[in-house]
Amino acid sequence: MATELAPGLIHHPGFLDPAARQRLADEVAAGLDAAPPFVPRMPRTGKPFSVRMSNAGPLGWVSDRNGYRYQTMHPETGRPWPAIPPTALAAWTTLAGYPAPPEACLINLYDPAARMGLHQDRDEADFSAPVVSLSLGAPALFRFGGLRRADPTRSIRLLAGDAIVIGGASRLIFHGVDRLYQATDLLAEDRLPGVLPAGGRCNLTLRRVSAWTGRGVEPSLPIS
């Protein structure tokens, strides 16, 4: 049963059943063969993230010394990103309530000790489109707050198969992942053998990047 954690922030526990988790894991593994995981770096400092990442879709989100941005090519191979996994696209259609498809699917890969600090998803042109997040692998402690970094925060545990929709009044909230938990009941596919170590986690974040006018895709961002 879906729970509204804050206006526009909806938690769908167990949205992906075991069969859907298996399909999505297989689709992600195939996509990572085409677009291998890389280590993003913080703008200016070049400090590496603790997560590895890749992307799927027409656009992919990257971060390096030059800043945060979307681009059409893998930063290391120079090849276009693979297509968004069909199971993830189906989740967007069901959950997003938005008339246009996502253009980017960010794939974050967490080792057991990895985390994601509080941040906003604000590199997109139109914040009327929500962000849809899907979880595979180990449970994670998801923390969310308000529109200011200093706002109070709350936390929930996300399990494999859970979905989160970040939209409406919550579209620009600060959120992050504080830690992973050990799990003994994961599907073999959740572990993405060869990609994630035991106890790792995979998170897919679907985003609409350019503004949608109803007349086709009309990018309104400088996209490299």
N, C-alpha and C. Protein backbone atom coordinates (compact mmCIF):
# COMPACT_ATOMS: atom_id res chain seq x y z
N MET A 1 0.84 -1.19 0.00
CA MET A 1 0.00 0.00 0.00
C MET A 1 0.88 1.24 0.00
N ALA A 2 0.60 2.18 -0.90
CA ALA A 2 1.40 3.39 -1.02
C ALA A 2 1.20 4.28 0.20
N THR A 3 2.29 4.97 0.60
CA THR A 3 2.26 5.88 1.73
C THR A 3 2.81 7.23 1.29
N GLU A 4 2.08 8.31 1.59
CA GLU A 4 2.57 9.65 1.31
C GLU A 4 3.41 10.11 2.49
N LEU A 5 4.72 10.18 2.29
CA LEU A 5 5.63 10.57 3.36
C LEU A 5 5.63 12.07 3.58
N ALA A 6 5.37 12.81 2.52
CA ALA A 6 5.25 14.27 2.52
C ALA A 6 4.47 14.60 1.25
N PRO A 7 3.93 15.81 1.12
CA PRO A 7 3.16 16.12 -0.09
C PRO A 7 3.98 15.87 -1.37
N GLY A 8 3.50 14.92 -2.17
CA GLY A 8 4.19 14.59 -3.41
C GLY A 8 5.29 13.56 -3.28
N LEU A 9 5.63 13.16 -2.07
CA LEU A 9 6.68 12.14 -1.85
C LEU A 9 5.97 10.84 -1.46
N ILE A 10 5.94 9.89 -2.40
CA ILE A 10 5.14 8.68 -2.22
C ILE A 10 6.04 7.45 -2.18
N HIS A 11 5.85 6.63 -1.16
CA HIS A 11 6.58 5.37 -1.03
C HIS A 11 5.66 4.23 -1.44
N HIS A 12 6.13 3.41 -2.39
CA HIS A 12 5.38 2.24 -2.84
C HIS A 12 6.17 0.98 -2.43
N PRO A 13 5.95 0.47 -1.23
CA PRO A 13 6.70 -0.72 -0.80
C PRO A 13 6.33 -1.94 -1.64
N GLY A 14 7.34 -2.72 -2.02
CA GLY A 14 7.10 -3.95 -2.77
C GLY A 14 6.47 -3.72 -4.13
N PHE A 15 6.71 -2.56 -4.73
CA PHE A 15 6.10 -2.27 -6.04
C PHE A 15 6.52 -3.31 -7.08
N LEU A 16 7.79 -3.71 -7.06
CA LEU A 16 8.27 -4.75 -7.97
C LEU A 16 8.21 -6.10 -7.26
N ASP A 17 7.40 -7.02 -7.76
CA ASP A 17 7.35 -8.35 -7.17
C ASP A 17 8.61 -9.12 -7.59
N PRO A 18 8.84 -10.31 -7.04
CA PRO A 18 10.07 -11.03 -7.36
C PRO A 18 10.31 -11.23 -8.86
N ALA A 19 9.26 -11.53 -9.62
CA ALA A 19 9.45 -11.72 -11.07
C ALA A 19 9.89 -10.42 -11.73
N ALA A 20 9.30 -9.30 -11.33
CA ALA A 20 9.69 -8.01 -11.91
C ALA A 20 11.10 -7.63 -11.49
N ARG A 21 11.48 -7.95 -10.26
CA ARG A 21 12.85 -7.69 -9.82
C ARG A 21 13.84 -8.49 -10.66
N GLN A 22 13.52 -9.73 -10.95
CA GLN A 22 14.40 -10.54 -11.78
C GLN A 22 14.54 -9.94 -13.17
N ARG A 23 13.42 -9.53 -13.76
CA ARG A 23 13.47 -8.93 -15.09
C ARG A 23 14.32 -7.66 -15.09
N LEU A 24 14.07 -6.81 -14.11
CA LEU A 24 14.80 -5.55 -14.07
C LEU A 24 16.29 -5.78 -13.86
N ALA A 25 16.64 -6.70 -12.97
CA ALA A 25 18.05 -6.98 -12.74
C ALA A 25 18.73 -7.48 -14.02
N ASP A 26 18.06 -8.34 -14.77
CA ASP A 26 18.63 -8.83 -16.03
C ASP A 26 18.78 -7.68 -17.03
N GLU A 27 17.79 -6.80 -17.07
CA GLU A 27 17.86 -5.66 -18.00
C GLU A 27 18.99 -4.70 -17.61
N VAL A 28 19.15 -4.47 -16.31
CA VAL A 28 20.22 -3.60 -15.85
C VAL A 28 21.58 -4.20 -16.18
N ALA A 29 21.74 -5.50 -15.93
CA ALA A 29 23.02 -6.15 -16.22
C ALA A 29 23.37 -6.03 -17.70
N ALA A 30 22.39 -6.20 -18.58
CA ALA A 30 22.64 -6.05 -20.01
C ALA A 30 23.04 -4.63 -20.36
N GLY A 31 22.37 -3.66 -19.73
CA GLY A 31 22.71 -2.27 -19.99
C GLY A 31 24.11 -1.91 -19.52
N LEU A 32 24.53 -2.49 -18.39
CA LEU A 32 25.86 -2.19 -17.87
C LEU A 32 26.96 -2.83 -18.71
N ASP A 33 26.63 -3.89 -19.44
CA ASP A 33 27.59 -4.43 -20.39
C ASP A 33 27.88 -3.42 -21.49
N ALA A 34 26.84 -2.68 -21.90
CA ALA A 34 27.00 -1.68 -22.96
C ALA A 34 27.55 -0.36 -22.44
N ALA A 35 27.25 -0.03 -21.20
CA ALA A 35 27.69 1.23 -20.60
C ALA A 35 28.28 0.93 -19.23
N PRO A 36 29.56 0.55 -19.16
CA PRO A 36 30.16 0.09 -17.91
C PRO A 36 30.10 1.14 -16.81
N PRO A 37 29.97 0.71 -15.56
CA PRO A 37 29.95 1.66 -14.45
C PRO A 37 31.24 2.48 -14.40
N PHE A 38 31.10 3.73 -13.98
CA PHE A 38 32.25 4.62 -13.81
C PHE A 38 32.11 5.33 -12.47
N VAL A 39 33.18 5.94 -12.02
CA VAL A 39 33.17 6.66 -10.74
C VAL A 39 33.04 8.15 -11.01
N PRO A 40 31.92 8.76 -10.67
CA PRO A 40 31.78 10.20 -10.85
C PRO A 40 32.63 10.96 -9.83
N ARG A 41 32.89 12.21 -10.11
CA ARG A 41 33.70 13.04 -9.22
C ARG A 41 33.01 14.37 -8.96
N MET A 42 33.30 14.93 -7.81
CA MET A 42 32.69 16.20 -7.42
C MET A 42 33.22 17.34 -8.28
N PRO A 43 32.35 18.29 -8.62
CA PRO A 43 32.83 19.47 -9.34
C PRO A 43 33.92 20.19 -8.55
N ARG A 44 34.84 20.76 -9.29
CA ARG A 44 35.95 21.56 -8.77
C ARG A 44 36.99 20.74 -8.02
N THR A 45 36.57 19.97 -6.99
CA THR A 45 37.55 19.25 -6.17
C THR A 45 38.02 17.96 -6.82
N GLY A 46 37.19 17.34 -7.64
CA GLY A 46 37.54 16.05 -8.23
C GLY A 46 37.44 14.89 -7.26
N LYS A 47 36.88 15.11 -6.07
CA LYS A 47 36.75 14.04 -5.09
C LYS A 47 35.80 12.97 -5.62
N PRO A 48 36.19 11.69 -5.58
CA PRO A 48 35.31 10.64 -6.12
C PRO A 48 34.09 10.41 -5.24
N PHE A 49 32.97 10.09 -5.88
CA PHE A 49 31.79 9.64 -5.16
C PHE A 49 32.08 8.27 -4.55
N SER A 50 31.30 7.88 -3.54
CA SER A 50 31.45 6.53 -2.99
C SER A 50 30.65 5.51 -3.79
N VAL A 51 29.72 5.98 -4.64
CA VAL A 51 28.96 5.08 -5.51
C VAL A 51 29.57 5.09 -6.90
N ARG A 52 29.39 3.98 -7.61
CA ARG A 52 29.66 3.95 -9.04
C ARG A 52 28.32 4.16 -9.76
N MET A 53 28.39 4.57 -11.00
CA MET A 53 27.14 4.83 -11.69
C MET A 53 27.26 4.58 -13.19
N SER A 54 26.11 4.47 -13.81
CA SER A 54 25.98 4.47 -15.26
C SER A 54 24.61 5.07 -15.57
N ASN A 55 24.22 5.04 -16.84
CA ASN A 55 22.95 5.62 -17.25
C ASN A 55 22.34 4.81 -18.37
N ALA A 56 21.06 5.01 -18.58
CA ALA A 56 20.36 4.47 -19.73
C ALA A 56 19.39 5.53 -20.22
N GLY A 57 19.11 5.51 -21.52
CA GLY A 57 18.19 6.49 -22.10
C GLY A 57 18.90 7.45 -23.03
N PRO A 58 18.17 8.36 -23.65
CA PRO A 58 18.78 9.32 -24.56
C PRO A 58 19.82 10.21 -23.88
N LEU A 59 19.65 10.48 -22.59
CA LEU A 59 20.55 11.34 -21.84
C LEU A 59 21.03 10.64 -20.59
N GLY A 60 22.22 10.99 -20.16
CA GLY A 60 22.76 10.44 -18.92
C GLY A 60 23.34 11.54 -18.06
N TRP A 61 23.15 11.40 -16.74
CA TRP A 61 23.66 12.40 -15.80
C TRP A 61 25.09 12.03 -15.43
N VAL A 62 25.99 13.02 -15.47
CA VAL A 62 27.38 12.81 -15.10
C VAL A 62 27.84 13.94 -14.20
N SER A 63 28.91 13.68 -13.46
CA SER A 63 29.51 14.68 -12.61
C SER A 63 31.03 14.52 -12.68
N ASP A 64 31.72 15.64 -12.91
CA ASP A 64 33.18 15.65 -12.90
C ASP A 64 33.64 17.04 -12.50
N ARG A 65 34.93 17.32 -12.65
CA ARG A 65 35.46 18.62 -12.23
C ARG A 65 34.74 19.80 -12.91
N ASN A 66 34.17 19.53 -14.10
CA ASN A 66 33.51 20.60 -14.84
C ASN A 66 32.07 20.85 -14.40
N GLY A 67 31.54 20.01 -13.53
CA GLY A 67 30.21 20.24 -13.01
C GLY A 67 29.24 19.11 -13.27
N TYR A 68 27.99 19.31 -12.85
CA TYR A 68 26.90 18.35 -13.07
C TYR A 68 26.25 18.67 -14.42
N ARG A 69 25.87 17.64 -15.17
CA ARG A 69 25.22 17.89 -16.46
C ARG A 69 24.65 16.59 -17.01
N TYR A 70 23.82 16.75 -18.03
CA TYR A 70 23.34 15.63 -18.82
C TYR A 70 24.08 15.63 -20.15
N GLN A 71 24.41 14.43 -20.64
CA GLN A 71 25.04 14.33 -21.94
C GLN A 71 24.60 13.05 -22.62
N THR A 72 24.80 13.00 -23.93
CA THR A 72 24.29 11.88 -24.73
C THR A 72 25.25 10.69 -24.76
N MET A 73 26.48 10.87 -24.32
CA MET A 73 27.51 9.83 -24.46
C MET A 73 28.10 9.44 -23.10
N HIS A 74 28.51 8.19 -23.01
CA HIS A 74 29.25 7.69 -21.84
C HIS A 74 30.56 8.47 -21.74
N PRO A 75 30.93 8.95 -20.54
CA PRO A 75 32.11 9.81 -20.44
C PRO A 75 33.43 9.08 -20.68
N GLU A 76 33.45 7.76 -20.60
CA GLU A 76 34.70 7.02 -20.79
C GLU A 76 34.75 6.31 -22.14
N THR A 77 33.65 5.73 -22.57
CA THR A 77 33.66 4.99 -23.84
C THR A 77 33.32 5.88 -25.03
N GLY A 78 32.62 7.00 -24.78
CA GLY A 78 32.18 7.87 -25.87
C GLY A 78 31.00 7.32 -26.65
N ARG A 79 30.41 6.21 -26.18
CA ARG A 79 29.28 5.62 -26.89
C ARG A 79 27.95 6.12 -26.32
N PRO A 80 26.89 6.10 -27.13
CA PRO A 80 25.57 6.48 -26.60
C PRO A 80 25.15 5.53 -25.48
N TRP A 81 24.30 6.04 -24.60
CA TRP A 81 23.77 5.22 -23.53
C TRP A 81 22.80 4.17 -24.10
N PRO A 82 22.69 3.02 -23.47
CA PRO A 82 21.70 2.03 -23.91
C PRO A 82 20.28 2.49 -23.58
N ALA A 83 19.31 1.77 -24.11
CA ALA A 83 17.91 2.11 -23.88
C ALA A 83 17.53 1.91 -22.41
N ILE A 84 16.56 2.67 -21.95
CA ILE A 84 16.06 2.51 -20.59
C ILE A 84 15.43 1.12 -20.45
N PRO A 85 15.71 0.39 -19.38
CA PRO A 85 15.12 -0.94 -19.20
C PRO A 85 13.60 -0.92 -19.29
N PRO A 86 13.01 -1.84 -20.04
CA PRO A 86 11.54 -1.85 -20.20
C PRO A 86 10.78 -1.91 -18.88
N THR A 87 11.29 -2.65 -17.91
CA THR A 87 10.59 -2.74 -16.62
C THR A 87 10.60 -1.39 -15.90
N ALA A 88 11.68 -0.64 -16.03
CA ALA A 88 11.73 0.69 -15.44
C ALA A 88 10.79 1.64 -16.17
N LEU A 89 10.72 1.55 -17.49
CA LEU A 89 9.78 2.39 -18.25
C LEU A 89 8.33 2.10 -17.83
N ALA A 90 8.02 0.83 -17.63
CA ALA A 90 6.67 0.47 -17.21
C ALA A 90 6.36 1.06 -15.84
N ALA A 91 7.36 1.09 -14.95
CA ALA A 91 7.15 1.69 -13.63
C ALA A 91 6.86 3.18 -13.75
N TRP A 92 7.59 3.87 -14.61
CA TRP A 92 7.33 5.30 -14.84
C TRP A 92 5.90 5.51 -15.32
N THR A 93 5.47 4.72 -16.29
CA THR A 93 4.12 4.86 -16.83
C THR A 93 3.07 4.70 -15.74
N THR A 94 3.30 3.76 -14.83
CA THR A 94 2.34 3.50 -13.77
C THR A 94 2.37 4.56 -12.68
N LEU A 95 3.55 5.07 -12.34
CA LEU A 95 3.71 5.87 -11.13
C LEU A 95 3.84 7.37 -11.35
N ALA A 96 4.37 7.78 -12.50
CA ALA A 96 4.77 9.18 -12.64
C ALA A 96 3.61 10.14 -12.78
N GLY A 97 2.53 9.72 -13.45
CA GLY A 97 1.44 10.65 -13.70
C GLY A 97 1.86 11.81 -14.56
N TYR A 98 2.75 11.55 -15.53
CA TYR A 98 3.30 12.60 -16.39
C TYR A 98 3.13 12.16 -17.84
N PRO A 99 2.77 13.07 -18.76
CA PRO A 99 2.41 12.64 -20.12
C PRO A 99 3.56 12.27 -21.02
N ALA A 100 4.78 12.55 -20.63
CA ALA A 100 5.94 12.28 -21.49
C ALA A 100 6.84 11.24 -20.83
N PRO A 101 7.60 10.49 -21.63
CA PRO A 101 8.47 9.46 -21.06
C PRO A 101 9.71 10.07 -20.41
N PRO A 102 10.38 9.30 -19.57
CA PRO A 102 11.65 9.77 -19.01
C PRO A 102 12.72 9.82 -20.09
N GLU A 103 13.69 10.68 -19.91
CA GLU A 103 14.80 10.78 -20.86
C GLU A 103 16.10 10.25 -20.27
N ALA A 104 16.14 10.05 -18.97
CA ALA A 104 17.36 9.59 -18.32
C ALA A 104 17.01 8.59 -17.23
N CYS A 105 17.82 7.56 -17.14
CA CYS A 105 17.71 6.57 -16.07
C CYS A 105 19.09 6.43 -15.45
N LEU A 106 19.29 7.10 -14.34
CA LEU A 106 20.56 7.03 -13.62
C LEU A 106 20.61 5.72 -12.83
N ILE A 107 21.71 4.99 -12.97
CA ILE A 107 21.90 3.71 -12.28
C ILE A 107 23.02 3.89 -11.27
N ASN A 108 22.68 3.90 -10.00
CA ASN A 108 23.66 4.02 -8.92
C ASN A 108 23.94 2.65 -8.34
N LEU A 109 25.21 2.34 -8.18
CA LEU A 109 25.65 1.05 -7.65
C LEU A 109 26.39 1.28 -6.33
N TYR A 110 25.81 0.75 -5.25
CA TYR A 110 26.34 0.97 -3.91
C TYR A 110 27.09 -0.28 -3.43
N ASP A 111 28.36 -0.12 -3.09
CA ASP A 111 29.02 -1.13 -2.28
C ASP A 111 28.45 -1.05 -0.86
N PRO A 112 28.67 -2.07 -0.02
CA PRO A 112 28.06 -2.04 1.32
C PRO A 112 28.39 -0.80 2.13
N ALA A 113 29.55 -0.20 1.91
CA ALA A 113 29.94 0.97 2.71
C ALA A 113 29.60 2.29 2.02
N ALA A 114 29.03 2.26 0.84
CA ALA A 114 28.75 3.49 0.10
C ALA A 114 27.54 4.22 0.68
N ARG A 115 27.45 5.50 0.40
CA ARG A 115 26.34 6.33 0.83
C ARG A 115 26.15 7.43 -0.20
N MET A 116 25.04 8.16 -0.05
CA MET A 116 24.78 9.30 -0.91
C MET A 116 24.33 10.46 -0.02
N GLY A 117 25.12 11.52 0.02
CA GLY A 117 24.81 12.65 0.88
C GLY A 117 23.55 13.37 0.45
N LEU A 118 23.01 14.18 1.33
CA LEU A 118 21.80 14.94 1.03
C LEU A 118 22.03 15.82 -0.19
N HIS A 119 21.08 15.80 -1.11
CA HIS A 119 21.20 16.56 -2.35
C HIS A 119 19.80 16.81 -2.91
N GLN A 120 19.71 17.70 -3.86
CA GLN A 120 18.49 17.95 -4.62
C GLN A 120 18.69 17.48 -6.06
N ASP A 121 17.63 17.01 -6.68
CA ASP A 121 17.65 16.72 -8.12
C ASP A 121 17.12 17.97 -8.82
N ARG A 122 18.03 18.81 -9.30
CA ARG A 122 17.60 20.09 -9.86
C ARG A 122 18.32 20.47 -11.15
N ASP A 123 18.84 19.48 -11.86
CA ASP A 123 19.53 19.75 -13.12
C ASP A 123 18.61 19.58 -14.32
N GLU A 124 17.32 19.54 -14.09
CA GLU A 124 16.33 19.34 -15.14
C GLU A 124 15.62 20.66 -15.44
N ALA A 125 14.96 20.72 -16.62
CA ALA A 125 14.34 21.98 -17.05
C ALA A 125 12.96 22.19 -16.48
N ASP A 126 12.23 21.13 -16.20
CA ASP A 126 10.82 21.25 -15.81
C ASP A 126 10.58 20.41 -14.56
N PHE A 127 10.37 21.08 -13.44
CA PHE A 127 10.20 20.36 -12.18
C PHE A 127 8.78 19.86 -11.98
N SER A 128 7.90 20.04 -12.98
CA SER A 128 6.57 19.45 -12.87
C SER A 128 6.61 17.94 -13.09
N ALA A 129 7.67 17.43 -13.71
CA ALA A 129 7.86 15.99 -13.86
C ALA A 129 8.48 15.43 -12.60
N PRO A 130 7.96 14.33 -12.06
CA PRO A 130 8.53 13.76 -10.85
C PRO A 130 9.81 12.99 -11.14
N VAL A 131 10.47 12.58 -10.10
CA VAL A 131 11.56 11.60 -10.15
C VAL A 131 11.00 10.29 -9.63
N VAL A 132 11.27 9.20 -10.34
CA VAL A 132 10.81 7.87 -9.92
C VAL A 132 12.03 7.02 -9.64
N SER A 133 12.09 6.44 -8.45
CA SER A 133 13.25 5.68 -7.99
C SER A 133 12.85 4.24 -7.71
N LEU A 134 13.69 3.29 -8.16
CA LEU A 134 13.45 1.86 -7.95
C LEU A 134 14.67 1.24 -7.27
N SER A 135 14.42 0.33 -6.34
CA SER A 135 15.50 -0.27 -5.55
C SER A 135 15.64 -1.76 -5.84
N LEU A 136 16.89 -2.20 -5.96
CA LEU A 136 17.26 -3.62 -6.01
C LEU A 136 18.39 -3.84 -5.01
N GLY A 137 18.49 -5.06 -4.50
CA GLY A 137 19.61 -5.39 -3.63
C GLY A 137 19.34 -5.08 -2.17
N ALA A 138 20.41 -4.78 -1.44
CA ALA A 138 20.33 -4.64 0.01
C ALA A 138 19.43 -3.48 0.43
N PRO A 139 18.77 -3.59 1.58
CA PRO A 139 17.97 -2.48 2.10
C PRO A 139 18.85 -1.25 2.37
N ALA A 140 18.24 -0.08 2.28
CA ALA A 140 18.96 1.17 2.48
C ALA A 140 18.16 2.08 3.39
N LEU A 141 18.87 2.92 4.15
CA LEU A 141 18.23 3.93 4.98
C LEU A 141 18.16 5.21 4.15
N PHE A 142 16.94 5.53 3.71
CA PHE A 142 16.68 6.70 2.87
C PHE A 142 16.29 7.87 3.76
N ARG A 143 17.01 8.99 3.62
CA ARG A 143 16.74 10.16 4.46
C ARG A 143 16.22 11.29 3.58
N PHE A 144 15.21 12.00 4.05
CA PHE A 144 14.64 13.09 3.29
C PHE A 144 14.28 14.24 4.22
N GLY A 145 14.36 15.44 3.66
CA GLY A 145 14.08 16.62 4.46
C GLY A 145 13.17 17.57 3.71
N GLY A 146 13.54 18.85 3.72
CA GLY A 146 12.73 19.88 3.08
C GLY A 146 13.46 20.53 1.93
N LEU A 147 13.04 21.74 1.61
CA LEU A 147 13.61 22.46 0.47
C LEU A 147 14.91 23.17 0.82
N ARG A 148 15.27 23.19 2.09
CA ARG A 148 16.54 23.75 2.52
C ARG A 148 17.37 22.64 3.16
N ARG A 149 18.66 22.71 2.96
CA ARG A 149 19.54 21.66 3.50
C ARG A 149 19.42 21.56 5.01
N ALA A 150 19.17 22.69 5.68
CA ALA A 150 19.11 22.69 7.14
C ALA A 150 17.77 22.24 7.70
N ASP A 151 16.78 21.97 6.85
CA ASP A 151 15.47 21.54 7.34
C ASP A 151 15.57 20.20 8.07
N PRO A 152 14.67 19.94 9.03
CA PRO A 152 14.67 18.64 9.71
C PRO A 152 14.48 17.50 8.70
N THR A 153 15.02 16.34 9.04
CA THR A 153 14.92 15.18 8.17
C THR A 153 14.24 14.02 8.88
N ARG A 154 13.71 13.10 8.06
CA ARG A 154 13.17 11.83 8.53
C ARG A 154 13.81 10.73 7.69
N SER A 155 13.69 9.49 8.16
CA SER A 155 14.29 8.37 7.45
C SER A 155 13.34 7.19 7.40
N ILE A 156 13.41 6.44 6.30
CA ILE A 156 12.70 5.17 6.18
C ILE A 156 13.65 4.14 5.57
N ARG A 157 13.31 2.89 5.75
CA ARG A 157 14.11 1.82 5.16
C ARG A 157 13.49 1.41 3.83
N LEU A 158 14.30 1.43 2.77
CA LEU A 158 13.86 0.98 1.45
C LEU A 158 14.35 -0.44 1.22
N LEU A 159 13.45 -1.31 0.76
CA LEU A 159 13.78 -2.70 0.49
C LEU A 159 13.83 -2.94 -1.01
N ALA A 160 14.39 -4.08 -1.40
CA ALA A 160 14.40 -4.48 -2.80
C ALA A 160 12.97 -4.54 -3.32
N GLY A 161 12.74 -3.90 -4.46
CA GLY A 161 11.41 -3.86 -5.04
C GLY A 161 10.61 -2.62 -4.69
N ASP A 162 11.09 -1.81 -3.73
CA ASP A 162 10.37 -0.59 -3.37
C ASP A 162 10.54 0.47 -4.45
N ALA A 163 9.55 1.34 -4.56
CA ALA A 163 9.61 2.51 -5.44
C ALA A 163 9.32 3.76 -4.62
N ILE A 164 9.96 4.84 -5.03
CA ILE A 164 9.72 6.16 -4.43
C ILE A 164 9.42 7.13 -5.56
N VAL A 165 8.40 7.94 -5.39
CA VAL A 165 8.10 9.02 -6.33
C VAL A 165 8.34 10.34 -5.61
N ILE A 166 9.20 11.18 -6.19
CA ILE A 166 9.53 12.49 -5.63
C ILE A 166 8.96 13.53 -6.58
N GLY A 167 7.81 14.12 -6.22
CA GLY A 167 7.16 15.05 -7.12
C GLY A 167 6.36 16.09 -6.37
N GLY A 168 5.63 16.89 -7.12
CA GLY A 168 4.78 17.89 -6.52
C GLY A 168 5.56 18.84 -5.63
N ALA A 169 5.03 19.10 -4.45
CA ALA A 169 5.67 20.02 -3.51
C ALA A 169 7.00 19.49 -2.99
N SER A 170 7.24 18.18 -3.16
CA SER A 170 8.49 17.57 -2.69
C SER A 170 9.53 17.41 -3.79
N ARG A 171 9.25 17.90 -4.99
CA ARG A 171 10.15 17.64 -6.11
C ARG A 171 11.59 18.08 -5.84
N LEU A 172 11.79 19.15 -5.09
CA LEU A 172 13.13 19.67 -4.85
C LEU A 172 13.60 19.47 -3.41
N ILE A 173 13.05 18.49 -2.72
CA ILE A 173 13.51 18.24 -1.36
C ILE A 173 14.93 17.67 -1.37
N PHE A 174 15.63 17.90 -0.28
CA PHE A 174 16.93 17.26 -0.06
C PHE A 174 16.68 15.81 0.37
N HIS A 175 17.48 14.91 -0.17
CA HIS A 175 17.33 13.49 0.15
C HIS A 175 18.66 12.79 -0.08
N GLY A 176 18.82 11.62 0.51
CA GLY A 176 20.06 10.88 0.37
C GLY A 176 19.94 9.49 0.98
N VAL A 177 21.02 8.74 0.94
CA VAL A 177 21.09 7.39 1.50
C VAL A 177 22.20 7.37 2.53
N ASP A 178 21.85 7.10 3.79
CA ASP A 178 22.82 7.14 4.88
C ASP A 178 23.62 5.85 5.02
N ARG A 179 22.99 4.71 4.73
CA ARG A 179 23.69 3.45 4.93
C ARG A 179 22.91 2.33 4.29
N LEU A 180 23.58 1.17 4.12
CA LEU A 180 22.92 -0.06 3.69
C LEU A 180 22.84 -1.01 4.87
N TYR A 181 21.89 -1.94 4.80
CA TYR A 181 21.71 -2.97 5.82
C TYR A 181 22.03 -4.33 5.21
N GLN A 182 22.47 -5.24 6.05
CA GLN A 182 22.67 -6.61 5.61
C GLN A 182 21.33 -7.27 5.33
N ALA A 183 21.29 -8.11 4.32
CA ALA A 183 20.06 -8.84 3.99
C ALA A 183 20.43 -10.25 3.58
N THR A 184 19.65 -11.21 4.04
CA THR A 184 19.93 -12.61 3.73
C THR A 184 18.89 -13.21 2.79
N ASP A 185 17.86 -12.44 2.44
CA ASP A 185 16.75 -13.01 1.67
C ASP A 185 16.66 -12.43 0.25
N LEU A 186 17.77 -11.91 -0.26
CA LEU A 186 17.74 -11.31 -1.59
C LEU A 186 17.70 -12.38 -2.67
N LEU A 187 17.01 -12.07 -3.75
CA LEU A 187 17.09 -12.92 -4.94
C LEU A 187 18.52 -12.90 -5.48
N ALA A 188 18.91 -13.99 -6.10
CA ALA A 188 20.24 -14.00 -6.72
C ALA A 188 20.37 -12.85 -7.72
N GLU A 189 19.28 -12.57 -8.44
CA GLU A 189 19.32 -11.51 -9.44
C GLU A 189 19.50 -10.14 -8.80
N ASP A 190 19.01 -9.96 -7.57
CA ASP A 190 19.18 -8.68 -6.90
C ASP A 190 20.66 -8.35 -6.69
N ARG A 191 21.47 -9.38 -6.61
CA ARG A 191 22.88 -9.13 -6.32
C ARG A 191 23.65 -8.71 -7.58
N LEU A 192 23.03 -8.82 -8.75
CA LEU A 192 23.69 -8.48 -10.00
C LEU A 192 25.12 -9.03 -10.02
N PRO A 193 25.27 -10.36 -10.07
CA PRO A 193 26.59 -10.97 -10.02
C PRO A 193 27.54 -10.35 -11.05
N GLY A 194 28.76 -10.09 -10.59
CA GLY A 194 29.75 -9.47 -11.45
C GLY A 194 29.68 -7.96 -11.46
N VAL A 195 28.61 -7.41 -10.89
CA VAL A 195 28.44 -5.95 -10.86
C VAL A 195 28.47 -5.44 -9.43
N LEU A 196 27.67 -6.07 -8.56
CA LEU A 196 27.59 -5.68 -7.17
C LEU A 196 28.25 -6.73 -6.28
N PRO A 197 28.98 -6.32 -5.25
CA PRO A 197 29.47 -7.29 -4.27
C PRO A 197 28.32 -7.75 -3.38
N ALA A 198 28.54 -8.80 -2.63
CA ALA A 198 27.53 -9.24 -1.67
C ALA A 198 27.20 -8.08 -0.74
N GLY A 199 25.91 -7.87 -0.51
CA GLY A 199 25.50 -6.78 0.35
C GLY A 199 25.39 -5.44 -0.34
N GLY A 200 25.54 -5.41 -1.67
CA GLY A 200 25.44 -4.16 -2.41
C GLY A 200 24.01 -3.82 -2.80
N ARG A 201 23.84 -2.64 -3.37
CA ARG A 201 22.51 -2.15 -3.74
C ARG A 201 22.57 -1.47 -5.10
N CYS A 202 21.50 -1.60 -5.85
CA CYS A 202 21.34 -0.89 -7.12
C CYS A 202 20.09 -0.03 -7.04
N ASN A 203 20.22 1.22 -7.42
CA ASN A 203 19.08 2.14 -7.44
C ASN A 203 18.97 2.76 -8.83
N LEU A 204 17.77 2.74 -9.40
CA LEU A 204 17.51 3.37 -10.68
C LEU A 204 16.65 4.61 -10.45
N THR A 205 17.08 5.73 -11.02
CA THR A 205 16.36 6.99 -10.88
C THR A 205 15.96 7.48 -12.27
N LEU A 206 14.66 7.52 -12.51
CA LEU A 206 14.12 7.94 -13.80
C LEU A 206 13.75 9.41 -13.75
N ARG A 207 14.21 10.16 -14.76
CA ARG A 207 13.98 11.60 -14.77
C ARG A 207 13.61 12.08 -16.17
N ARG A 208 12.74 13.05 -16.21
CA ARG A 208 12.48 13.82 -17.42
C ARG A 208 13.42 15.02 -17.38
N VAL A 209 14.20 15.24 -18.44
CA VAL A 209 15.22 16.28 -18.43
C VAL A 209 14.73 17.56 -19.08
N SER A 210 14.17 17.47 -20.27
CA SER A 210 13.74 18.66 -21.00
C SER A 210 12.26 18.94 -20.77
N ALA A 211 11.86 20.17 -21.07
CA ALA A 211 10.47 20.55 -20.89
C ALA A 211 9.59 19.86 -21.91
N TRP A 212 8.36 19.57 -21.52
CA TRP A 212 7.40 18.89 -22.40
C TRP A 212 6.27 19.85 -22.72
N THR A 213 6.02 20.07 -24.01
CA THR A 213 4.96 20.99 -24.42
C THR A 213 3.77 20.26 -25.01
N GLY A 214 3.89 18.95 -25.19
CA GLY A 214 2.83 18.19 -25.83
C GLY A 214 2.97 18.09 -27.32
N ARG A 215 4.04 18.71 -27.86
CA ARG A 215 4.25 18.69 -29.31
C ARG A 215 5.50 17.94 -29.70
N GLY A 216 6.03 17.14 -28.78
CA GLY A 216 7.25 16.41 -29.08
C GLY A 216 8.35 16.81 -28.11
N VAL A 217 9.50 16.21 -28.27
CA VAL A 217 10.62 16.49 -27.37
C VAL A 217 11.26 17.80 -27.80
N GLU A 218 11.28 18.77 -26.88
CA GLU A 218 11.86 20.06 -27.16
C GLU A 218 12.86 20.40 -26.06
N PRO A 219 14.09 19.94 -26.20
CA PRO A 219 15.07 20.20 -25.13
C PRO A 219 15.23 21.69 -24.87
N SER A 220 15.23 22.05 -23.61
CA SER A 220 15.43 23.44 -23.25
C SER A 220 16.67 23.61 -22.38
N LEU A 221 17.53 22.57 -22.37
CA LEU A 221 18.78 22.64 -21.66
C LEU A 221 19.93 22.56 -22.64
N PRO A 222 21.08 23.18 -22.33
CA PRO A 222 22.26 22.94 -23.15
C PRO A 222 22.79 21.55 -22.85
N ILE A 223 22.59 20.62 -23.77
CA ILE A 223 22.93 19.22 -23.56
C ILE A 223 24.10 18.86 -24.45
N SER A 224 25.17 18.31 -23.85
CA SER A 224 26.35 17.97 -24.63
C SER A 224 26.25 16.54 -25.14
